[in-house]
Amino acid sequence: MEVRLPGRPITDQQKALYMRERKHHNQAVAAARAGMSERTARRHEKDPRKPSER
């Protein structure tokens, strides 16, 4: 079950930036640099698809 929360959806570009930053930084730092919350980052780490493919 996917839970949708109010707010702006992240873009493919944000996810790509997050994944690049994640190689060098912890989850909190990478998420902040990509402009998303830690919780959103955690959710996207579990799902390898691009946001536009969901």
N, C-alpha and C. Protein backbone atom coordinates (compact mmCIF):
# COMPACT_ATOMS: atom_id res chain seq x y z
N MET A 1 0.84 -1.18 0.00
CA MET A 1 0.00 0.00 0.00
C MET A 1 0.88 1.24 0.00
N GLU A 2 0.64 2.10 -0.95
CA GLU A 2 1.41 3.33 -1.05
C GLU A 2 0.65 4.45 -0.36
N VAL A 3 1.35 5.15 0.50
CA VAL A 3 0.72 6.26 1.23
C VAL A 3 1.10 7.56 0.54
N ARG A 4 0.11 8.32 0.13
CA ARG A 4 0.34 9.62 -0.49
C ARG A 4 0.13 10.70 0.56
N LEU A 5 1.10 11.54 0.70
CA LEU A 5 1.01 12.64 1.65
C LEU A 5 0.91 13.96 0.88
N PRO A 6 0.33 14.97 1.49
CA PRO A 6 0.24 16.25 0.81
C PRO A 6 1.63 16.87 0.64
N GLY A 7 1.76 17.65 -0.38
CA GLY A 7 3.04 18.30 -0.64
C GLY A 7 3.40 18.14 -2.09
N ARG A 8 4.57 18.62 -2.44
CA ARG A 8 4.99 18.57 -3.82
C ARG A 8 5.75 17.27 -4.09
N PRO A 9 5.42 16.60 -5.18
CA PRO A 9 6.16 15.38 -5.53
C PRO A 9 7.58 15.72 -5.96
N ILE A 10 8.51 14.81 -5.71
CA ILE A 10 9.88 15.07 -6.13
C ILE A 10 10.04 14.74 -7.60
N THR A 11 11.03 15.32 -8.22
CA THR A 11 11.27 15.14 -9.65
C THR A 11 12.34 14.08 -9.88
N ASP A 12 12.44 13.63 -11.13
CA ASP A 12 13.50 12.69 -11.48
C ASP A 12 14.87 13.29 -11.21
N GLN A 13 14.99 14.59 -11.46
CA GLN A 13 16.26 15.28 -11.24
C GLN A 13 16.63 15.28 -9.75
N GLN A 14 15.65 15.50 -8.89
CA GLN A 14 15.92 15.48 -7.44
C GLN A 14 16.37 14.09 -7.00
N LYS A 15 15.72 13.05 -7.52
CA LYS A 15 16.08 11.69 -7.13
C LYS A 15 17.50 11.38 -7.61
N ALA A 16 17.83 11.77 -8.83
CA ALA A 16 19.18 11.53 -9.35
C ALA A 16 20.23 12.25 -8.50
N LEU A 17 19.94 13.50 -8.13
CA LEU A 17 20.86 14.25 -7.28
C LEU A 17 21.00 13.56 -5.93
N TYR A 18 19.89 13.12 -5.36
CA TYR A 18 19.93 12.43 -4.07
C TYR A 18 20.82 11.19 -4.16
N MET A 19 20.65 10.39 -5.22
CA MET A 19 21.42 9.16 -5.35
C MET A 19 22.92 9.45 -5.51
N ARG A 20 23.25 10.53 -6.23
CA ARG A 20 24.67 10.92 -6.36
C ARG A 20 25.23 11.35 -5.01
N GLU A 21 24.49 12.19 -4.30
CA GLU A 21 24.94 12.69 -3.00
C GLU A 21 25.04 11.57 -1.97
N ARG A 22 24.17 10.59 -2.10
CA ARG A 22 24.12 9.48 -1.13
C ARG A 22 25.41 8.66 -1.14
N LYS A 23 26.12 8.67 -2.26
CA LYS A 23 27.39 7.94 -2.36
C LYS A 23 28.46 8.54 -1.44
N HIS A 24 28.33 9.83 -1.14
CA HIS A 24 29.36 10.52 -0.38
C HIS A 24 28.90 11.04 0.98
N HIS A 25 27.59 11.09 1.21
CA HIS A 25 27.06 11.67 2.44
C HIS A 25 26.00 10.76 3.05
N ASN A 26 25.69 11.03 4.31
CA ASN A 26 24.63 10.24 4.95
C ASN A 26 23.27 10.66 4.40
N GLN A 27 22.25 9.91 4.79
CA GLN A 27 20.92 10.11 4.25
C GLN A 27 20.38 11.51 4.49
N ALA A 28 20.57 12.04 5.68
CA ALA A 28 20.05 13.36 6.03
C ALA A 28 20.68 14.45 5.16
N VAL A 29 21.98 14.41 4.99
CA VAL A 29 22.68 15.43 4.20
C VAL A 29 22.29 15.32 2.73
N ALA A 30 22.29 14.11 2.21
CA ALA A 30 21.94 13.90 0.80
C ALA A 30 20.52 14.36 0.53
N ALA A 31 19.60 14.06 1.42
CA ALA A 31 18.20 14.47 1.25
C ALA A 31 18.08 15.99 1.27
N ALA A 32 18.76 16.63 2.20
CA ALA A 32 18.70 18.10 2.30
C ALA A 32 19.26 18.75 1.03
N ARG A 33 20.35 18.22 0.52
CA ARG A 33 20.94 18.79 -0.70
C ARG A 33 20.04 18.59 -1.91
N ALA A 34 19.24 17.53 -1.90
CA ALA A 34 18.33 17.26 -3.01
C ALA A 34 16.98 17.94 -2.82
N GLY A 35 16.77 18.55 -1.67
CA GLY A 35 15.53 19.28 -1.43
C GLY A 35 14.35 18.41 -1.07
N MET A 36 14.60 17.35 -0.30
CA MET A 36 13.50 16.48 0.14
C MET A 36 13.71 16.12 1.60
N SER A 37 12.69 15.57 2.22
CA SER A 37 12.81 15.18 3.62
C SER A 37 13.53 13.84 3.73
N GLU A 38 14.01 13.54 4.92
CA GLU A 38 14.65 12.24 5.15
C GLU A 38 13.67 11.11 4.92
N ARG A 39 12.43 11.32 5.32
CA ARG A 39 11.40 10.28 5.16
C ARG A 39 11.16 9.99 3.68
N THR A 40 11.11 11.02 2.87
CA THR A 40 10.93 10.83 1.43
C THR A 40 12.13 10.10 0.86
N ALA A 41 13.32 10.47 1.30
CA ALA A 41 14.53 9.81 0.83
C ALA A 41 14.51 8.32 1.19
N ARG A 42 14.08 8.01 2.39
CA ARG A 42 14.00 6.62 2.83
C ARG A 42 13.05 5.83 1.93
N ARG A 43 11.91 6.44 1.61
CA ARG A 43 10.92 5.80 0.76
C ARG A 43 11.48 5.56 -0.65
N HIS A 44 12.23 6.50 -1.16
CA HIS A 44 12.78 6.37 -2.51
C HIS A 44 13.97 5.43 -2.57
N GLU A 45 14.67 5.22 -1.48
CA GLU A 45 15.75 4.24 -1.49
C GLU A 45 15.21 2.82 -1.65
N LYS A 46 14.02 2.58 -1.14
CA LYS A 46 13.40 1.25 -1.25
C LYS A 46 12.86 0.98 -2.65
N ASP A 47 12.53 2.03 -3.39
CA ASP A 47 11.92 1.89 -4.71
C ASP A 47 12.88 2.44 -5.76
N PRO A 48 13.52 1.59 -6.58
CA PRO A 48 14.53 2.06 -7.52
C PRO A 48 13.99 2.80 -8.74
N ARG A 49 12.66 2.80 -8.94
CA ARG A 49 12.09 3.46 -10.12
C ARG A 49 12.18 4.98 -10.00
N LYS A 50 12.20 5.65 -11.15
CA LYS A 50 12.17 7.10 -11.19
C LYS A 50 10.78 7.55 -10.76
N PRO A 51 10.67 8.73 -10.18
CA PRO A 51 9.36 9.22 -9.79
C PRO A 51 8.37 9.30 -10.96
N SER A 52 8.85 9.59 -12.16
CA SER A 52 7.96 9.70 -13.31
C SER A 52 7.45 8.33 -13.78
N GLU A 53 8.08 7.26 -13.33
CA GLU A 53 7.66 5.90 -13.72
C GLU A 53 6.65 5.30 -12.76
N ARG A 54 6.35 5.99 -11.68
CA ARG A 54 5.44 5.45 -10.69
C ARG A 54 4.02 5.53 -11.11
